[in-house]
Protein backbone atom coordinates (compact mmCIF):
# COMPACT_ATOMS: atom_id res chain seq x y z
CA MET A 1 8.06 17.11 13.57
CA ILE A 2 5.30 14.96 13.31
CA ASN A 3 1.79 16.05 13.07
CA ILE A 4 -1.10 14.33 15.17
CA LEU A 5 -4.38 15.38 15.03
CA MET A 6 -6.32 14.24 17.81
CA ILE A 7 -10.15 13.99 17.77
CA GLU A 8 -11.50 13.44 21.69
CA ASP A 9 -13.74 15.07 23.22
CA ASP A 10 -12.21 14.48 26.73
CA LEU A 11 -10.02 17.39 26.39
CA GLU A 12 -8.40 16.29 29.86
CA LEU A 13 -6.91 13.39 28.47
CA ALA A 14 -6.63 15.10 25.48
CA GLU A 15 -3.81 17.79 27.19
CA ILE A 16 -2.57 14.97 29.04
CA LEU A 17 -1.62 12.72 26.09
CA SER A 18 -0.78 15.54 24.20
CA GLU A 19 1.61 16.90 26.88
CA TYR A 20 3.48 13.33 27.31
CA LEU A 21 4.08 13.35 23.18
CA THR A 22 5.33 16.68 22.61
CA GLN A 23 9.02 15.20 24.24
CA TYR A 24 8.79 12.83 21.57
CA ASP A 25 8.71 15.60 18.62
CA MET A 26 5.67 15.00 18.03
CA LYS A 27 2.86 18.15 17.72
CA VAL A 28 -0.78 16.97 18.50
CA ASP A 29 -3.63 19.33 17.19
CA ILE A 30 -6.69 18.06 19.10
CA ALA A 31 -10.02 18.71 18.14
CA ASP A 32 -12.99 18.19 20.06
CA GLU A 33 -15.82 17.49 18.09
CA PRO A 34 -15.73 14.97 14.45
CA TYR A 35 -16.60 18.61 12.24
CA ILE A 36 -13.99 20.13 13.81
CA GLY A 37 -11.37 17.61 12.95
CA LEU A 38 -12.68 17.13 9.71
CA SER A 39 -12.22 20.42 8.72
CA LYS A 40 -8.44 20.59 10.27
CA LEU A 41 -7.40 17.75 7.98
CA ASN A 42 -8.57 19.73 4.97
CA LEU A 43 -6.70 22.41 5.89
CA LYS A 44 -3.31 20.67 7.09
CA LYS A 45 -1.59 17.13 6.57
CA TYR A 46 -1.40 15.01 9.45
CA ASP A 47 1.02 12.04 9.81
CA LEU A 48 -1.20 10.36 11.57
CA ILE A 49 -4.56 10.77 13.53
CA ILE A 50 -6.18 9.62 17.14
CA LEU A 51 -9.77 9.31 17.33
CA ASP A 52 -12.27 8.63 19.48
CA LEU A 53 -15.46 6.71 18.85
CA SER A 54 -17.93 8.09 21.35
CA LEU A 55 -18.17 11.67 19.70
CA PRO A 56 -21.08 14.75 20.41
CA GLY A 57 -22.95 15.31 17.18
CA MET A 58 -20.84 12.05 14.72
CA ASP A 59 -20.22 8.80 16.27
CA GLY A 60 -16.19 8.04 15.49
CA LEU A 61 -16.85 5.26 12.94
CA GLU A 62 -18.80 7.45 11.14
CA VAL A 63 -15.88 10.04 11.29
CA CYS A 64 -13.42 6.88 10.45
CA LYS A 65 -15.77 6.65 7.01
CA GLU A 66 -15.37 10.24 6.01
CA ILE A 67 -11.49 10.31 6.84
CA ARG A 68 -10.43 7.37 4.39
CA LYS A 69 -13.09 9.35 1.83
CA LYS A 70 -10.01 11.41 1.31
CA HIS A 71 -6.95 10.44 3.50
CA THR A 72 -4.26 7.94 3.96
CA SER A 73 -2.40 8.51 7.03
CA PRO A 74 -2.73 5.80 9.53
CA ILE A 75 -5.68 5.67 12.08
CA ILE A 76 -5.11 4.79 15.73
CA ILE A 77 -8.46 4.45 17.47
CA SER A 78 -8.91 5.32 21.28
CA SER A 79 -11.95 4.31 22.66
CA ALA A 80 -13.23 3.31 26.22
CA ARG A 81 -15.91 1.33 24.03
CA HIS A 82 -15.05 -2.62 24.06
CA ASP A 83 -17.34 -3.89 22.05
CA ILE A 84 -15.77 -6.49 19.40
CA ASN A 85 -18.67 -5.36 17.05
CA ASP A 86 -16.46 -1.49 17.48
CA LYS A 87 -13.68 -3.01 16.98
CA VAL A 88 -14.36 -5.25 13.65
CA GLU A 89 -16.13 -2.38 12.24
CA ALA A 90 -13.40 -0.01 12.65
CA LEU A 91 -10.77 -1.83 11.02
CA GLU A 92 -12.92 -2.80 8.13
CA ILE A 93 -13.95 0.62 7.22
CA GLY A 94 -9.99 1.60 7.54
CA ALA A 95 -8.46 2.39 11.24
CA ASP A 96 -5.37 0.47 11.27
CA ASP A 97 -5.11 -0.02 15.12
CA TYR A 98 -7.69 0.01 18.02
CA LEU A 99 -6.38 1.03 21.75
CA PRO A 100 -9.04 0.12 24.67
CA LYS A 101 -9.04 2.93 27.16
CA PRO A 102 -7.47 3.62 29.82
CA TYR A 103 -4.17 2.77 28.15
CA ASP A 104 -0.44 3.59 29.40
CA PRO A 105 0.88 7.03 27.14
CA LYS A 106 4.06 4.90 26.76
CA GLU A 107 1.82 1.99 24.59
CA LEU A 108 0.22 4.77 22.40
CA LYS A 109 4.01 6.50 21.66
CA ALA A 110 4.73 2.70 20.64
CA ARG A 111 1.55 1.87 18.45
CA ILE A 112 2.11 5.63 17.07
CA THR A 113 5.91 5.31 16.39
CA SER A 114 5.36 1.72 14.58
CA HIS A 115 2.41 2.75 12.16
CA LEU A 116 4.54 5.46 11.18
CA ARG A 117 7.61 3.21 10.11
CA ARG A 118 5.13 1.33 8.18
CA PHE A 119 3.60 3.67 6.42
CA GLU A 120 6.79 4.77 5.68
CA GLN A 121 7.99 1.63 3.98
CA ILE A 122 4.48 1.59 2.32
CA GLN A 123 5.44 4.89 0.36
CA ILE A 124 8.65 3.98 -0.03
CA SER A 125 7.80 0.66 -1.87
CA ALA A 126 4.93 2.30 -3.82
CA SER A 127 7.25 5.24 -5.06
CA GLU A 128 9.69 2.98 -6.02
CA HIS A 129 6.97 0.54 -7.73
CA SER A 130 5.57 3.66 -9.90
CA ASN A 131 8.84 4.14 -11.48
CA LYS A 132 9.02 1.28 -13.50
CA THR A 133 8.21 1.50 -17.00
CA LEU A 134 6.42 -2.52 -16.76
CA GLU A 135 4.12 -2.74 -13.31
CA TYR A 136 2.33 -6.23 -12.13
CA ASP A 137 -0.50 -5.75 -9.91
CA GLU A 138 -1.20 -9.07 -8.44
CA PHE A 139 -4.14 -7.94 -6.58
CA LYS A 140 -6.13 -6.58 -10.30
CA HIS A 141 -4.29 -9.56 -12.47
CA ALA A 142 -2.81 -6.58 -14.40
CA ILE A 143 0.43 -5.75 -15.98
CA PHE A 144 0.82 -2.43 -16.79
CA TYR A 145 3.08 -0.94 -19.55
CA LYS A 146 4.23 2.79 -18.83
CA GLY A 147 0.56 3.58 -16.87
CA LYS A 148 -1.15 1.42 -19.41
CA GLU A 149 -2.87 -1.77 -18.87
CA LEU A 150 -1.65 -4.24 -21.77
CA VAL A 151 -3.76 -6.41 -23.55
CA LEU A 152 -2.30 -10.20 -23.84
CA THR A 153 -2.49 -13.74 -23.82
CA ASN A 154 -2.76 -15.77 -20.96
CA ALA A 155 0.35 -16.80 -21.53
CA GLU A 156 2.25 -13.74 -22.90
CA PHE A 157 0.38 -12.47 -19.48
CA ASP A 158 2.46 -15.76 -17.25
CA ILE A 159 5.44 -15.17 -18.84
CA LEU A 160 5.74 -11.24 -18.38
CA SER A 161 4.45 -11.74 -14.67
CA TYR A 162 6.98 -14.33 -14.33
CA LEU A 163 9.99 -12.57 -16.49
CA ILE A 164 8.99 -9.13 -13.76
CA LYS A 165 8.87 -11.45 -11.34
CA LYS A 166 12.29 -12.10 -11.32
CA GLU A 167 13.22 -8.98 -11.98
CA GLY A 168 17.43 -8.83 -13.06
CA GLY A 169 18.01 -12.51 -13.03
CA VAL A 170 18.02 -14.68 -15.60
CA VAL A 171 15.24 -17.14 -16.37
CA SER A 172 15.15 -20.18 -19.20
CA ARG A 173 13.46 -21.04 -21.20
CA GLU A 174 12.60 -24.28 -19.31
CA GLU A 175 11.81 -22.44 -16.39
CA LEU A 176 9.14 -20.74 -17.99
CA ILE A 177 6.97 -23.88 -19.20
CA TYR A 178 7.36 -25.35 -16.47
CA ASN A 179 6.06 -22.02 -14.06
CA CYS A 180 3.28 -20.43 -16.64
CA SER A 181 0.14 -22.67 -15.98
CA SER A 182 -0.99 -21.81 -19.50
CA ILE A 183 1.76 -22.87 -21.58
CA ASN A 184 2.05 -27.05 -22.32
CA GLU A 185 4.67 -28.42 -20.84
CA GLU A 186 4.80 -30.29 -24.43
CA SER A 187 5.71 -27.05 -25.90
CA SER A 188 9.30 -25.98 -27.30
CA ASN A 189 11.88 -23.22 -27.12
CA LYS A 190 11.27 -22.05 -29.77
CA SER A 191 7.10 -21.44 -28.88
CA ILE A 192 8.44 -19.32 -25.96
CA ASP A 193 10.75 -17.19 -28.28
CA VAL A 194 7.58 -16.54 -30.38
CA ILE A 195 5.22 -15.85 -26.95
CA ILE A 196 8.69 -12.89 -26.30
CA SER A 197 8.25 -12.23 -29.49
CA ARG A 198 4.74 -11.04 -29.49
CA ILE A 199 5.45 -9.31 -25.71
CA ARG A 200 8.30 -6.81 -27.35
CA GLN A 201 5.86 -5.77 -29.92
CA LYS A 202 3.15 -4.81 -27.64
CA ILE A 203 5.45 -3.05 -25.34
CA SER A 204 7.37 -1.55 -27.98
CA ASP A 205 11.16 -3.75 -27.72
CA ASP A 206 13.36 -3.96 -30.49
CA SER A 207 14.59 -7.17 -30.32
CA LYS A 208 17.94 -6.11 -32.01
CA THR A 209 18.23 -3.08 -29.29
CA PRO A 210 16.33 -4.27 -26.68
CA THR A 211 15.15 -2.12 -23.50
CA HIS A 212 14.22 -5.06 -21.27
CA ILE A 213 13.35 -8.59 -21.82
CA HIS A 214 16.76 -9.22 -23.27
CA ALA A 215 18.01 -12.46 -24.54
CA ILE A 216 20.66 -14.29 -23.55
CA ARG A 217 22.49 -16.59 -25.14
CA GLY A 218 21.95 -20.47 -25.01
CA ILE A 219 19.23 -20.18 -21.71
CA GLY A 220 16.53 -17.56 -21.90
CA TYR A 221 15.74 -14.24 -21.02
CA LYS A 222 16.27 -11.98 -18.43
CA LEU A 223 13.80 -8.33 -17.79
CA THR A 224 15.50 -5.41 -16.87
CA GLN A 225 13.79 -1.67 -16.56
């Protein structure tokens, strides 16, 4: 059963949409006031939120901001307000979609299904990522070892991030030289080995019995987790 919270003061519309979605194994809780909706969110976990903008007591954009402070569930804005500024602001503050009224319930159902599928894939990906000992965060430009950020030189960072991206694949020393911007193209294979040795020390990886960075004789290295 998919649990949905609909914050909508038009109760007739809310009931019509709720009845329609029920046939697709979706249970809709309705809140006709924003504060009631926020209270429901604190008491129960919802898979998705449908939010009107023109609400009594608090504008829907403010409600969206409040929701995003604590919750990650997808938010679909369902509104009769067609001002492009409302749409842009809603998406900027955390809404996942903006569906202008009037619309066919079939379209709402399709969008709900699409966002839930995408959200599930993101959660699976995040779960797989968090289980890894070495994590490369491209957005933060950082590498974490067992959840702790590593202090690395530019060369160490470039080599380790490249190995993480190529996880499971054999990477030659020459490939590292040509794909790591902080390493001079005139560098020798020996200099790569020295940098790898320093990285191993920082992640407690014994070169004789390595857990993560494995030397491939005559070629280069391979990273596993």
